Protein backbone atom coordinates (compact mmCIF):
# COMPACT_ATOMS: atom_id res chain seq x y z
CA MET A 1 -84.30 -113.99 78.59
CA ARG A 2 -85.25 -114.17 82.24
CA ASN A 3 -82.99 -112.99 84.98
CA GLY A 4 -83.03 -110.63 87.98
CA PHE A 5 -81.01 -107.64 88.81
CA THR A 6 -79.84 -105.41 91.65
CA PHE A 7 -80.42 -101.80 91.60
CA ASN A 8 -79.34 -99.42 94.32
CA GLY A 9 -78.37 -102.33 96.58
CA ARG A 10 -81.81 -104.17 96.38
CA HIS A 11 -82.51 -107.20 94.39
CA SER A 12 -85.66 -107.57 92.26
CA SER A 13 -86.47 -110.90 94.15
CA GLN A 14 -87.20 -108.72 97.27
CA PHE A 15 -90.26 -107.49 95.64
CA GLY A 16 -91.69 -110.81 94.55
CA VAL A 17 -91.39 -110.07 90.87
CA THR A 18 -90.14 -111.76 87.76
CA VAL A 19 -87.86 -110.04 85.27
CA LYS A 20 -87.45 -110.58 81.58
CA THR A 21 -84.91 -108.73 79.48
CA ARG A 22 -86.56 -106.76 76.43
CA SER A 23 -83.41 -105.09 75.17
CA ARG A 24 -79.73 -105.05 76.39
CA PRO A 25 -77.37 -103.82 73.63
CA ILE A 26 -73.99 -105.65 73.91
CA ARG A 27 -72.31 -102.57 72.41
CA PRO A 28 -73.05 -98.81 72.65
CA GLU A 29 -73.33 -96.55 69.66
CA ALA A 30 -70.11 -94.96 68.59
CA LYS A 31 -69.79 -91.19 68.24
CA ARG A 32 -69.19 -90.37 64.60
CA PHE A 33 -67.31 -87.48 63.22
CA THR A 34 -67.55 -87.52 59.40
CA MET A 35 -67.00 -85.24 56.50
CA ASP A 36 -68.82 -85.55 53.18
CA LEU A 37 -66.82 -84.00 50.30
CA PRO A 38 -68.18 -83.11 46.81
CA LEU A 39 -66.75 -85.27 43.90
CA ARG A 40 -65.79 -88.00 46.35
CA ASP A 41 -67.55 -91.32 46.91
CA GLY A 42 -68.39 -92.17 50.46
CA GLU A 43 -67.33 -90.02 53.37
CA TYR A 44 -64.27 -89.42 55.57
CA ASP A 45 -64.61 -90.83 59.08
CA PHE A 46 -62.65 -88.77 61.69
CA SER A 47 -64.10 -90.72 64.81
CA ALA A 48 -60.67 -92.03 65.82
CA SER A 49 -58.73 -88.91 64.79
CA ASN A 50 -57.91 -87.76 68.25
CA PRO A 51 -54.87 -87.85 70.53
CA LEU A 52 -55.97 -91.28 72.00
CA GLY A 53 -56.46 -92.76 68.50
CA ARG A 54 -59.82 -94.50 69.37
CA GLU A 55 -63.61 -94.06 69.03
CA PHE A 56 -65.73 -92.74 71.81
CA PHE A 57 -69.29 -93.79 72.64
CA TYR A 58 -72.76 -92.75 73.66
CA GLU A 59 -74.65 -94.05 76.69
CA ARG A 60 -76.92 -96.93 76.03
CA THR A 61 -80.37 -97.97 77.32
CA PHE A 62 -81.24 -101.30 78.96
CA THR A 63 -84.94 -102.25 79.04
CA ALA A 64 -86.53 -104.93 81.14
CA ALA A 65 -90.13 -106.19 81.73
CA ILE A 66 -91.02 -106.66 85.37
CA SER A 67 -94.14 -108.77 86.10
CA VAL A 68 -95.80 -108.07 89.49
CA PHE A 69 -98.31 -110.43 90.99
CA ALA A 70 -100.72 -110.01 93.87
CA ASP A 71 -103.77 -111.49 95.34
CA SER A 72 -105.93 -108.41 95.02
CA LEU A 73 -105.83 -105.02 93.44
CA THR A 74 -105.05 -103.38 96.69
CA LYS A 75 -102.07 -105.51 97.23
CA LEU A 76 -100.91 -104.99 93.77
CA GLN A 77 -100.90 -101.26 94.41
CA ASP A 78 -99.00 -101.70 97.63
CA LYS A 79 -96.33 -103.63 95.67
CA LEU A 80 -96.23 -100.98 92.80
CA THR A 81 -95.80 -98.26 95.52
CA ALA A 82 -92.70 -100.13 96.95
CA ILE A 83 -91.30 -100.60 93.47
CA SER A 84 -91.84 -97.01 92.44
CA LEU A 85 -89.70 -96.02 95.36
CA TRP A 86 -87.06 -98.53 94.50
CA LEU A 87 -86.83 -97.60 90.90
CA THR A 88 -86.06 -93.92 91.40
CA GLY A 89 -82.99 -91.93 90.71
CA SER A 90 -79.68 -93.43 89.78
CA GLY A 91 -77.27 -95.95 91.19
CA GLN A 92 -75.50 -99.09 90.63
CA LEU A 93 -77.11 -101.86 88.29
CA ILE A 94 -75.94 -105.40 88.36
CA PHE A 95 -77.53 -108.22 86.33
CA ASP A 96 -77.67 -111.81 87.63
CA ASP A 97 -76.25 -113.25 84.35
CA ILE A 98 -73.21 -110.92 84.37
CA PRO A 99 -72.58 -110.49 88.06
CA PHE A 100 -68.99 -109.29 87.79
CA VAL A 101 -69.96 -106.02 85.91
CA VAL A 102 -71.47 -102.84 87.58
CA TRP A 103 -73.46 -100.39 85.49
CA LYS A 104 -73.87 -96.86 86.53
CA GLY A 105 -77.46 -96.28 85.45
CA LYS A 106 -80.66 -94.27 86.02
CA ILE A 107 -84.39 -94.59 85.20
CA SER A 108 -84.62 -92.96 81.90
CA ASP A 109 -88.41 -92.76 81.29
CA GLU A 110 -91.66 -92.82 83.20
CA ILE A 111 -92.77 -96.32 84.22
CA ILE A 112 -96.44 -97.18 83.31
CA TYR A 113 -98.46 -100.37 83.57
CA MET A 114 -101.77 -101.86 82.68
CA PRO A 115 -103.41 -104.19 85.27
CA GLU A 116 -104.14 -107.80 84.18
CA HIS A 117 -106.04 -110.66 85.43
CA GLY A 118 -108.65 -108.69 87.37
CA GLY A 119 -105.95 -106.45 88.95
CA ARG A 120 -103.74 -109.21 90.27
CA LYS A 121 -100.89 -108.78 87.76
CA ALA A 122 -99.07 -105.79 86.20
CA VAL A 123 -96.25 -105.67 83.74
CA LEU A 124 -93.86 -102.74 83.90
CA ASP A 125 -91.39 -101.79 81.22
CA VAL A 126 -88.43 -100.30 82.85
CA SER A 127 -85.60 -98.56 81.04
CA PHE A 128 -82.15 -97.82 82.52
CA ARG A 129 -79.94 -95.24 80.86
CA VAL A 130 -76.44 -96.46 81.60
CA LYS A 131 -72.84 -95.27 81.09
CA PRO A 132 -71.28 -96.57 77.80
CA PHE A 133 -69.23 -99.36 79.62
CA GLY A 134 -69.71 -101.31 82.75
CA SER A 135 -67.04 -101.36 85.61
CA ALA A 136 -65.51 -104.52 87.19
CA LEU A 137 -67.05 -105.47 90.54
CA PHE A 138 -63.72 -104.28 92.13
CA GLY A 139 -60.67 -102.39 91.12
CA THR A 140 -57.00 -102.75 92.02
CA GLU A 141 -57.96 -102.38 95.73
CA GLY A 142 -59.22 -105.94 95.35
CA PRO A 143 -62.50 -107.62 96.43
CA THR A 144 -63.96 -107.36 99.88
CA LEU A 145 -63.52 -110.42 102.13
CA ASP A 146 -67.21 -111.16 101.99
CA CYS A 147 -67.32 -111.14 98.22
CA PRO A 148 -69.51 -114.28 97.39
CA TYR A 149 -67.40 -115.14 94.39
CA LEU A 150 -64.05 -115.23 96.38
CA LYS A 151 -63.35 -119.02 96.89
CA LEU A 152 -60.86 -120.34 99.34
CA ASP A 153 -59.29 -122.55 96.66
CA SER A 154 -59.14 -119.77 94.10
CA LEU A 155 -55.95 -118.85 92.40
CA PHE A 156 -56.89 -115.19 92.78
CA PRO A 157 -54.06 -113.31 94.44
CA ILE A 158 -54.48 -111.97 98.04
CA GLY A 159 -53.41 -108.44 98.42
CA LEU A 160 -54.14 -107.11 94.92
CA ALA A 161 -53.03 -103.57 95.83
CA ASP A 162 -49.53 -104.97 96.45
CA ILE A 163 -49.45 -106.36 92.97
CA TYR A 164 -50.02 -102.82 91.57
CA THR A 165 -47.29 -101.35 93.72
CA PHE A 166 -43.73 -101.28 92.19
CA THR A 167 -40.34 -100.35 93.24
CA VAL A 168 -38.46 -99.14 90.22
CA THR A 169 -35.01 -97.98 89.28
CA SER A 170 -34.42 -95.68 86.38
CA GLY A 171 -34.98 -97.36 83.01
CA ASN A 172 -37.21 -100.19 84.39
CA ASP A 173 -40.08 -101.68 82.48
CA ILE A 174 -43.29 -102.37 84.52
CA HIS A 175 -45.56 -105.04 83.14
CA ILE A 176 -49.11 -104.08 84.13
CA LEU A 177 -52.34 -106.03 83.65
CA ASN A 178 -55.52 -104.11 82.72
CA PHE A 179 -57.98 -106.81 83.54
CA GLY A 180 -60.85 -105.28 81.75
CA ASP A 181 -61.43 -105.13 78.06
CA ARG A 182 -61.55 -101.31 77.61
CA PRO A 183 -58.72 -98.67 77.77
CA ILE A 184 -58.66 -97.16 81.21
CA ARG A 185 -57.30 -94.11 82.80
CA GLY A 186 -56.08 -94.56 86.38
CA VAL A 187 -54.30 -92.73 89.23
CA ILE A 188 -50.52 -93.23 89.69
CA LYS A 189 -48.93 -92.16 93.07
CA ILE A 190 -45.09 -91.88 92.98
CA SER A 191 -43.13 -91.61 96.12
CA GLY A 192 -39.46 -90.61 96.45
CA CYS A 193 -39.26 -88.10 93.52
CA ALA A 194 -36.01 -86.03 93.42
CA GLY A 195 -35.84 -84.42 90.12
CA ASN A 196 -36.91 -85.44 86.59
CA VAL A 197 -39.35 -88.40 86.09
CA SER A 198 -40.60 -89.75 82.79
CA LEU A 199 -43.29 -92.27 82.19
CA ALA A 200 -43.62 -93.89 78.69
CA LEU A 201 -46.35 -96.21 77.36
CA ASN A 202 -46.31 -97.12 73.67
CA ASP A 203 -45.90 -93.94 71.80
CA LYS A 204 -46.95 -91.65 74.74
CA THR A 205 -44.62 -90.01 77.32
CA LEU A 206 -45.42 -88.01 80.38
CA ASP A 207 -42.61 -85.96 82.07
CA PHE A 208 -42.49 -83.84 85.25
CA THR A 209 -40.03 -82.49 87.70
CA ALA A 210 -40.75 -82.70 91.47
CA VAL A 211 -39.43 -83.61 94.98
CA GLY A 212 -41.32 -85.89 97.30
CA SER A 213 -44.65 -87.65 96.41
CA VAL A 214 -46.65 -86.92 93.25
CA THR A 215 -50.09 -87.98 92.24
CA LEU A 216 -50.85 -88.33 88.55
CA ASP A 217 -54.71 -88.37 87.76
CA PHE A 218 -54.93 -89.61 84.21
CA ASP A 219 -58.78 -89.15 84.06
CA ALA A 220 -58.70 -85.55 85.20
CA GLN A 221 -55.35 -85.02 83.34
CA ARG A 222 -53.68 -83.33 86.39
CA ALA A 223 -50.60 -83.79 88.47
CA TYR A 224 -50.06 -82.47 91.96
CA THR A 225 -48.17 -82.68 95.21
CA GLN A 226 -49.16 -81.79 98.72
CA SER A 227 -48.30 -78.14 97.76
CA GLY A 228 -50.58 -78.08 94.75
CA GLU A 229 -50.61 -78.78 90.99
CA ILE A 230 -47.43 -79.04 89.06
CA GLY A 231 -46.79 -78.79 85.32
CA VAL A 232 -46.12 -81.78 83.08
CA GLY A 233 -44.88 -82.26 79.55
CA GLY A 234 -46.13 -84.82 77.02
CA ASP A 235 -49.44 -86.55 77.13
CA PHE A 236 -51.65 -88.17 79.74
CA PHE A 237 -52.28 -91.81 78.33
CA GLU A 238 -54.59 -94.76 78.84
CA LEU A 239 -53.83 -98.28 79.81
CA PRO A 240 -54.90 -100.60 76.94
CA PRO A 241 -56.69 -103.87 77.76
CA GLY A 242 -54.58 -106.84 78.70
CA GLU A 243 -50.83 -106.57 79.43
CA CYS A 244 -48.98 -103.32 78.82
CA ILE A 245 -45.53 -102.11 79.59
CA LEU A 246 -44.74 -98.91 81.28
CA ARG A 247 -41.16 -97.64 81.16
CA VAL A 248 -40.09 -95.39 84.11
CA THR A 249 -37.00 -93.17 83.84
CA HIS A 250 -35.91 -90.79 86.64
CA SER A 251 -32.86 -88.96 87.79
CA ASN A 252 -33.01 -90.39 91.36
CA SER A 253 -30.03 -92.32 92.82
CA ALA A 254 -32.58 -94.24 94.83
CA PRO A 255 -35.60 -96.34 93.44
CA LEU A 256 -38.96 -94.84 93.22
CA VAL A 257 -42.14 -96.45 94.56
CA LEU A 258 -45.04 -96.22 92.16
CA ALA A 259 -48.67 -97.33 93.14
CA LEU A 260 -51.16 -97.66 90.46
CA SER A 261 -55.00 -97.69 91.11
CA PHE A 262 -57.96 -98.10 88.58
CA THR A 263 -61.23 -99.88 88.15
CA PRO A 264 -61.35 -101.74 84.81
CA GLU A 265 -64.21 -101.45 82.37
CA TYR A 266 -66.02 -103.93 80.15
CA MET A 267 -67.76 -103.64 76.87
CA TYR A 268 -70.50 -106.07 78.09
CA GLY A 269 -69.39 -108.94 80.28
CA GLY A 270 -66.29 -109.98 82.07
CA ASN A 271 -64.81 -111.90 85.13
CA PRO A 272 -61.78 -110.54 86.85
CA PHE A 273 -61.26 -113.82 88.74
CA GLU A 274 -60.35 -115.42 85.41
CA ALA A 275 -57.46 -112.84 84.57
CA ASP A 276 -53.87 -113.85 84.08
CA TRP A 277 -52.44 -112.52 87.41
CA SER A 278 -48.98 -113.69 86.60
CA VAL A 279 -48.46 -110.62 84.44
CA ASN A 280 -47.77 -107.88 86.92
CA HIS A 281 -44.13 -107.38 87.70
CA ALA A 282 -41.33 -104.76 87.41
């Protein structure tokens, strides 16, 4: 499969090369936790036996063959020098055929080549070690105005951050769209707290007591105000893919303002512009 890619902000076409995918696993390897007991057939798999009730995964490797052409051996070496500086370290990796997904990757091995055609061609095998899942091109902050995929006649909502900001009275259900296909942990900022607050999603509940504004970082599993960290009860949870319902209960006489931010993740490919944006509401 032939396609180019962007790494660290530079596209492969800038170097006058052609790219062919050698290996791009569509799913990472799951972490397995098993127990093999005597006098029992098979084994017990505890991979999803954790508070979140799901498997976790290892990083994966994408490999591409890059063909470099030049008029002479000297010019070929000049191109290889430029490519060696480009393919160094870690950064964002975007493939042309799945342009809405950003992978966090780094060069995992040395890059070697053999000159061909009298020193006018070289083929490089380049391997990227990437995080288990790719991220959407943008999160709840929305795309930039110069995003090439944002069309004037698109049904995509303007002001995406406003869609993920809710004014809620006690006992309200908030319908939230996770427009990726993987569970995600986000950040919730709640303004106007004046006592007890409880957030419930499926069978998970998170409770705290505070006055003023509170930030809940579900990835770091911490809650804090301007004065510092505060204690919580219950569990930090994840937003499942698609629509989910968050119930907010609080002791305020006035509504709370809840702002949610996250960047969705994908198993392989995805397109946030095709999501059902009619879901989000309080």
